[in-house]
Amino acid sequence: MNKQPQITEKTRQKFVEVFCELYSQKPIEKISIQEIANKSGYNRSTFYQYFIDIYELLDSVENDLLNDMKKELANKELSMNTVQDTLYCLDKREHLLVLNALLGDYGSARFLKRLKNEITFDQLKLNVPQNHSLTPYLIEFYLTTSLSLFRLWLQRQKDLSPEQFLKLVENLYSSGITPYFKE
C-alpha cells in the first residue's frame, strides 16, 4: 500500500506534537504509546508504523532538532559564532514545543549533553587557554550557563525579546552580574 508522503508526514508530526506535549508535563516513563495514540487520534498499530517505541520517538525528536540547528548554523553567517548563535537558531516558533519538552522539568539530560557536543570548541570564540587543565571546566561553565539561561527564558514564556535575552547573556559573560545590582 502506497501512502501519500504529505499524509505520512502529517501523521508522524502529530505523534511528535502529542509526545512533546506529554513529555513537557510528565516523565517519559509515565507516557504510554496508547496515550500518545489516543491523543493523536490514531491507534497503537499506526504508532508502530512510525516508531518502534517511545525512546525511538524521543531520539527522532532530538535528532530532528539537532539537524535543523546544524543546517541553520551552516547556512548563516552568524555574528558571534558562539553559543549565542546556537540559542538564536533554537529560538524558532517551530522548535518551541520540542524545546519545552526536551529542556523542561522532565527533559533529557542526554539531550543537553548532545546539544553541548554539537557546539565544538572551535566554534567557541572564547579566550581561554588551549590544552590547559582548566579549559574543560571553563567550557562546561560557559555552555551549561548559557543553556540554563535559555531554559529559564523558555520557562518564563520568553519574557524578554530574543535581542534582549541574547544581549543579557553576552553582558553577563563580559561584565558579570555586578552591573545589575542596585547601589
C-alpha atoms as a PDB file:
ATOM      1  CA  MET A   1       0.000   0.000   0.000  1.00  0.00           C
ATOM      2  CA  ASN A   2       1.455   3.342  -1.067  1.00  0.00           C
ATOM      3  CA  LYS A   3       0.816   6.222   1.277  1.00  0.00           C
ATOM      4  CA  GLN A   4       0.871   9.833   0.272  1.00  0.00           C
ATOM      5  CA  PRO A   5       4.030  11.468   1.675  1.00  0.00           C
ATOM      6  CA  GLN A   6       2.226  14.567   2.972  1.00  0.00           C
ATOM      7  CA  ILE A   7      -0.280  12.411   4.904  1.00  0.00           C
ATOM      8  CA  THR A   8       2.517  10.250   6.269  1.00  0.00           C
ATOM      9  CA  GLU A   9       4.453  13.298   7.451  1.00  0.00           C
ATOM     10  CA  LYS A  10       1.320  14.836   8.950  1.00  0.00           C
ATOM     11  CA  THR A  11       0.645  11.644  10.936  1.00  0.00           C
ATOM     12  CA  ARG A  12       4.253  11.422  12.108  1.00  0.00           C
ATOM     13  CA  GLN A  13       4.215  15.095  13.100  1.00  0.00           C
ATOM     14  CA  LYS A  14       1.023  14.596  15.100  1.00  0.00           C
ATOM     15  CA  PHE A  15       2.712  11.814  17.110  1.00  0.00           C
ATOM     16  CA  VAL A  16       5.697  14.107  17.712  1.00  0.00           C
ATOM     17  CA  GLU A  17       3.497  17.000  18.857  1.00  0.00           C
ATOM     18  CA  VAL A  18       1.446  14.877  21.250  1.00  0.00           C
ATOM     19  CA  PHE A  19       4.582  13.231  22.632  1.00  0.00           C
ATOM     20  CA  CYS A  20       6.226  16.625  23.237  1.00  0.00           C
ATOM     21  CA  GLU A  21       3.082  17.929  24.900  1.00  0.00           C
ATOM     22  CA  LEU A  22       3.012  14.936  27.253  1.00  0.00           C
ATOM     23  CA  TYR A  23       6.790  14.949  27.850  1.00  0.00           C
ATOM     24  CA  SER A  24       6.652  18.563  28.968  1.00  0.00           C
ATOM     25  CA  GLN A  25       4.096  17.504  31.630  1.00  0.00           C
ATOM     26  CA  LYS A  26       5.490  14.217  32.939  1.00  0.00           C
ATOM     27  CA  PRO A  27       8.499  11.870  32.819  1.00  0.00           C
ATOM     28  CA  ILE A  28       8.924   9.672  29.764  1.00  0.00           C
ATOM     29  CA  GLU A  29       8.416   6.560  31.912  1.00  0.00           C
ATOM     30  CA  LYS A  30       4.842   7.720  32.611  1.00  0.00           C
ATOM     31  CA  ILE A  31       3.944   8.173  28.923  1.00  0.00           C
ATOM     32  CA  SER A  32       2.359   5.220  27.170  1.00  0.00           C
ATOM     33  CA  ILE A  33       2.117   4.506  23.476  1.00  0.00           C
ATOM     34  CA  GLN A  34      -1.630   4.043  23.972  1.00  0.00           C
ATOM     35  CA  GLU A  35      -1.876   7.560  25.432  1.00  0.00           C
ATOM     36  CA  ILE A  36       0.072   9.058  22.514  1.00  0.00           C
ATOM     37  CA  ALA A  37      -2.056   7.156  20.003  1.00  0.00           C
ATOM     38  CA  ASN A  38      -5.347   8.141  21.654  1.00  0.00           C
ATOM     39  CA  LYS A  39      -4.451  11.834  21.913  1.00  0.00           C
ATOM     40  CA  SER A  40      -3.219  11.787  18.315  1.00  0.00           C
ATOM     41  CA  GLY A  41      -6.459  10.311  17.035  1.00  0.00           C
ATOM     42  CA  TYR A  42      -4.801   7.112  15.796  1.00  0.00           C
ATOM     43  CA  ASN A  43      -4.470   3.587  17.097  1.00  0.00           C
ATOM     44  CA  ARG A  44      -1.398   1.885  18.533  1.00  0.00           C
ATOM     45  CA  SER A  45      -0.695  -0.033  15.340  1.00  0.00           C
ATOM     46  CA  THR A  46      -0.404   3.258  13.443  1.00  0.00           C
ATOM     47  CA  PHE A  47       2.149   4.485  16.011  1.00  0.00           C
ATOM     48  CA  TYR A  48       4.223   1.332  15.402  1.00  0.00           C
ATOM     49  CA  GLN A  49       4.295   2.082  11.665  1.00  0.00           C
ATOM     50  CA  TYR A  50       6.385   5.146  12.522  1.00  0.00           C
ATOM     51  CA  PHE A  51       8.304   4.260  15.699  1.00  0.00           C
ATOM     52  CA  ILE A  52       9.451   1.095  17.469  1.00  0.00           C
ATOM     53  CA  ASP A  53       8.805   2.596  20.902  1.00  0.00           C
ATOM     54  CA  ILE A  54       8.722   5.876  22.828  1.00  0.00           C
ATOM     55  CA  TYR A  55      12.503   6.019  23.061  1.00  0.00           C
ATOM     56  CA  GLU A  56      12.868   5.854  19.287  1.00  0.00           C
ATOM     57  CA  LEU A  57      10.349   8.706  19.094  1.00  0.00           C
ATOM     58  CA  LEU A  58      12.459  10.672  21.604  1.00  0.00           C
ATOM     59  CA  ASP A  59      15.601  10.007  19.535  1.00  0.00           C
ATOM     60  CA  SER A  60      13.791  11.154  16.415  1.00  0.00           C
ATOM     61  CA  VAL A  61      12.643  14.377  18.104  1.00  0.00           C
ATOM     62  CA  GLU A  62      16.174  15.101  19.361  1.00  0.00           C
ATOM     63  CA  ASN A  63      17.784  14.278  16.012  1.00  0.00           C
ATOM     64  CA  ASP A  64      15.340  16.438  14.059  1.00  0.00           C
ATOM     65  CA  LEU A  65      16.012  19.425  16.305  1.00  0.00           C
ATOM     66  CA  LEU A  66      19.802  18.984  16.236  1.00  0.00           C
ATOM     67  CA  ASN A  67      19.778  18.542  12.446  1.00  0.00           C
ATOM     68  CA  ASP A  68      17.676  21.697  11.987  1.00  0.00           C
ATOM     69  CA  MET A  69      20.095  23.574  14.215  1.00  0.00           C
ATOM     70  CA  LYS A  70      23.129  22.300  12.260  1.00  0.00           C
ATOM     71  CA  LYS A  71      21.548  23.281   8.933  1.00  0.00           C
ATOM     72  CA  GLU A  72      20.727  26.741  10.162  1.00  0.00           C
ATOM     73  CA  LEU A  73      24.207  27.288  11.600  1.00  0.00           C
ATOM     74  CA  ALA A  74      25.774  26.064   8.361  1.00  0.00           C
ATOM     75  CA  ASN A  75      23.575  28.269   6.160  1.00  0.00           C
ATOM     76  CA  LYS A  76      24.067  31.527   8.007  1.00  0.00           C
ATOM     77  CA  GLU A  77      26.835  33.953   8.501  1.00  0.00           C
ATOM     78  CA  LEU A  78      26.285  34.463  12.172  1.00  0.00           C
ATOM     79  CA  SER A  79      27.799  37.367  14.004  1.00  0.00           C
ATOM     80  CA  MET A  80      29.229  35.742  17.116  1.00  0.00           C
ATOM     81  CA  ASN A  81      29.609  32.094  16.092  1.00  0.00           C
ATOM     82  CA  THR A  82      29.221  31.055  19.714  1.00  0.00           C
ATOM     83  CA  VAL A  83      26.646  29.512  21.987  1.00  0.00           C
ATOM     84  CA  GLN A  84      24.507  32.599  21.467  1.00  0.00           C
ATOM     85  CA  ASP A  85      24.321  31.719  17.766  1.00  0.00           C
ATOM     86  CA  THR A  86      23.077  28.260  18.709  1.00  0.00           C
ATOM     87  CA  LEU A  87      20.499  29.778  21.046  1.00  0.00           C
ATOM     88  CA  TYR A  88      19.441  32.097  18.229  1.00  0.00           C
ATOM     89  CA  CYS A  89      18.938  29.084  15.933  1.00  0.00           C
ATOM     90  CA  LEU A  90      16.914  27.272  18.571  1.00  0.00           C
ATOM     91  CA  ASP A  91      14.647  30.272  19.098  1.00  0.00           C
ATOM     92  CA  LYS A  92      12.216  29.410  16.335  1.00  0.00           C
ATOM     93  CA  ARG A  93       8.449  29.043  16.681  1.00  0.00           C
ATOM     94  CA  GLU A  94       8.530  25.549  15.154  1.00  0.00           C
ATOM     95  CA  HIS A  95      11.033  24.403  17.798  1.00  0.00           C
ATOM     96  CA  LEU A  96       9.172  25.758  20.819  1.00  0.00           C
ATOM     97  CA  LEU A  97       7.055  22.680  21.599  1.00  0.00           C
ATOM     98  CA  VAL A  98      10.064  20.376  21.234  1.00  0.00           C
ATOM     99  CA  LEU A  99      12.317  22.617  23.332  1.00  0.00           C
ATOM    100  CA  ASN A 100       9.750  22.932  26.097  1.00  0.00           C
ATOM    101  CA  ALA A 101       9.693  19.135  26.263  1.00  0.00           C
ATOM    102  CA  LEU A 102      13.430  18.465  25.945  1.00  0.00           C
ATOM    103  CA  LEU A 103      14.546  21.309  28.211  1.00  0.00           C
ATOM    104  CA  GLY A 104      11.571  21.155  30.578  1.00  0.00           C
ATOM    105  CA  ASP A 105      11.359  19.722  34.067  1.00  0.00           C
ATOM    106  CA  TYR A 106      11.175  16.157  32.754  1.00  0.00           C
ATOM    107  CA  GLY A 107      13.555  16.703  29.863  1.00  0.00           C
ATOM    108  CA  SER A 108      16.503  14.632  28.930  1.00  0.00           C
ATOM    109  CA  ALA A 109      19.949  15.217  30.441  1.00  0.00           C
ATOM    110  CA  ARG A 110      21.195  13.186  27.486  1.00  0.00           C
ATOM    111  CA  PHE A 111      19.777  15.797  25.101  1.00  0.00           C
ATOM    112  CA  LEU A 112      21.652  18.576  26.917  1.00  0.00           C
ATOM    113  CA  LYS A 113      24.857  16.571  26.569  1.00  0.00           C
ATOM    114  CA  ARG A 114      24.187  16.021  22.856  1.00  0.00           C
ATOM    115  CA  LEU A 115      23.455  19.712  22.406  1.00  0.00           C
ATOM    116  CA  LYS A 116      26.696  20.663  24.155  1.00  0.00           C
ATOM    117  CA  ASN A 117      28.599  18.199  21.951  1.00  0.00           C
ATOM    118  CA  GLU A 118      27.241  19.941  18.860  1.00  0.00           C
ATOM    119  CA  ILE A 119      28.945  23.132  19.941  1.00  0.00           C
ATOM    120  CA  THR A 120      32.573  22.390  19.280  1.00  0.00           C
ATOM    121  CA  PHE A 121      35.469  24.185  20.924  1.00  0.00           C
ATOM    122  CA  ASP A 122      36.393  25.610  17.520  1.00  0.00           C
ATOM    123  CA  GLN A 123      33.011  27.335  17.350  1.00  0.00           C
ATOM    124  CA  LEU A 124      33.507  28.997  20.703  1.00  0.00           C
ATOM    125  CA  LYS A 125      35.367  32.245  20.386  1.00  0.00           C
ATOM    126  CA  LEU A 126      36.474  32.019  23.985  1.00  0.00           C
ATOM    127  CA  ASN A 127      39.734  33.483  25.078  1.00  0.00           C
ATOM    128  CA  VAL A 128      40.690  30.515  27.250  1.00  0.00           C
ATOM    129  CA  PRO A 129      43.991  28.706  27.290  1.00  0.00           C
ATOM    130  CA  GLN A 130      44.125  25.719  24.953  1.00  0.00           C
ATOM    131  CA  ASN A 131      45.260  22.374  26.367  1.00  0.00           C
ATOM    132  CA  HIS A 132      45.209  23.690  29.924  1.00  0.00           C
ATOM    133  CA  SER A 133      43.841  21.631  32.818  1.00  0.00           C
ATOM    134  CA  LEU A 134      41.168  24.307  33.467  1.00  0.00           C
ATOM    135  CA  THR A 135      39.933  24.522  29.868  1.00  0.00           C
ATOM    136  CA  PRO A 136      37.285  21.755  30.120  1.00  0.00           C
ATOM    137  CA  TYR A 137      35.868  23.420  33.250  1.00  0.00           C
ATOM    138  CA  LEU A 138      35.701  26.821  31.609  1.00  0.00           C
ATOM    139  CA  ILE A 139      33.943  25.425  28.551  1.00  0.00           C
ATOM    140  CA  GLU A 140      31.490  23.440  30.691  1.00  0.00           C
ATOM    141  CA  PHE A 141      30.697  26.564  32.718  1.00  0.00           C
ATOM    142  CA  TYR A 142      30.113  28.612  29.575  1.00  0.00           C
ATOM    143  CA  LEU A 143      27.903  26.038  27.853  1.00  0.00           C
ATOM    144  CA  THR A 144      25.937  24.971  30.921  1.00  0.00           C
ATOM    145  CA  THR A 145      25.258  28.535  31.994  1.00  0.00           C
ATOM    146  CA  SER A 146      24.099  29.577  28.520  1.00  0.00           C
ATOM    147  CA  LEU A 147      21.788  26.596  28.138  1.00  0.00           C
ATOM    148  CA  SER A 148      20.430  27.031  31.657  1.00  0.00           C
ATOM    149  CA  LEU A 149      19.624  30.690  30.953  1.00  0.00           C
ATOM    150  CA  PHE A 150      17.953  29.679  27.684  1.00  0.00           C
ATOM    151  CA  ARG A 151      15.877  27.066  29.536  1.00  0.00           C
ATOM    152  CA  LEU A 152      14.805  29.672  32.109  1.00  0.00           C
ATOM    153  CA  TRP A 153      13.882  32.097  29.332  1.00  0.00           C
ATOM    154  CA  LEU A 154      11.634  29.446  27.751  1.00  0.00           C
ATOM    155  CA  GLN A 155      10.051  28.622  31.112  1.00  0.00           C
ATOM    156  CA  ARG A 156       9.334  32.318  31.648  1.00  0.00           C
ATOM    157  CA  GLN A 157       7.477  32.368  28.313  1.00  0.00           C
ATOM    158  CA  LYS A 158      10.197  34.466  26.648  1.00  0.00           C
ATOM    159  CA  ASP A 159       9.548  37.481  28.864  1.00  0.00           C
ATOM    160  CA  LEU A 160      12.470  39.245  27.159  1.00  0.00           C
ATOM    161  CA  SER A 161      12.714  39.761  23.422  1.00  0.00           C
ATOM    162  CA  PRO A 162      15.270  37.483  21.715  1.00  0.00           C
ATOM    163  CA  GLU A 163      17.558  40.504  21.269  1.00  0.00           C
ATOM    164  CA  GLN A 164      17.274  41.462  24.951  1.00  0.00           C
ATOM    165  CA  PHE A 165      17.903  37.882  26.024  1.00  0.00           C
ATOM    166  CA  LEU A 166      20.993  37.420  23.836  1.00  0.00           C
ATOM    167  CA  LYS A 167      22.331  40.815  24.943  1.00  0.00           C
ATOM    168  CA  LEU A 168      21.817  39.822  28.585  1.00  0.00           C
ATOM    169  CA  VAL A 169      23.757  36.585  28.085  1.00  0.00           C
ATOM    170  CA  GLU A 170      26.549  38.463  26.320  1.00  0.00           C
ATOM    171  CA  ASN A 171      26.662  41.129  29.072  1.00  0.00           C
ATOM    172  CA  LEU A 172      26.712  38.528  31.831  1.00  0.00           C
ATOM    173  CA  TYR A 173      29.781  36.922  30.279  1.00  0.00           C
ATOM    174  CA  SER A 174      31.595  40.165  29.612  1.00  0.00           C
ATOM    175  CA  SER A 175      30.704  42.140  32.776  1.00  0.00           C
ATOM    176  CA  GLY A 176      29.256  39.633  35.233  1.00  0.00           C
ATOM    177  CA  ILE A 177      26.193  40.278  37.380  1.00  0.00           C
ATOM    178  CA  THR A 178      27.542  43.242  39.367  1.00  0.00           C
ATOM    179  CA  PRO A 179      26.181  45.911  36.955  1.00  0.00           C
ATOM    180  CA  TYR A 180      22.659  44.581  37.597  1.00  0.00           C
ATOM    181  CA  PHE A 181      22.797  45.064  41.367  1.00  0.00           C
ATOM    182  CA  LYS A 182      21.163  48.152  42.872  1.00  0.00           C
ATOM    183  CA  GLU A 183      23.502  50.501  44.601  1.00  0.00           C
END
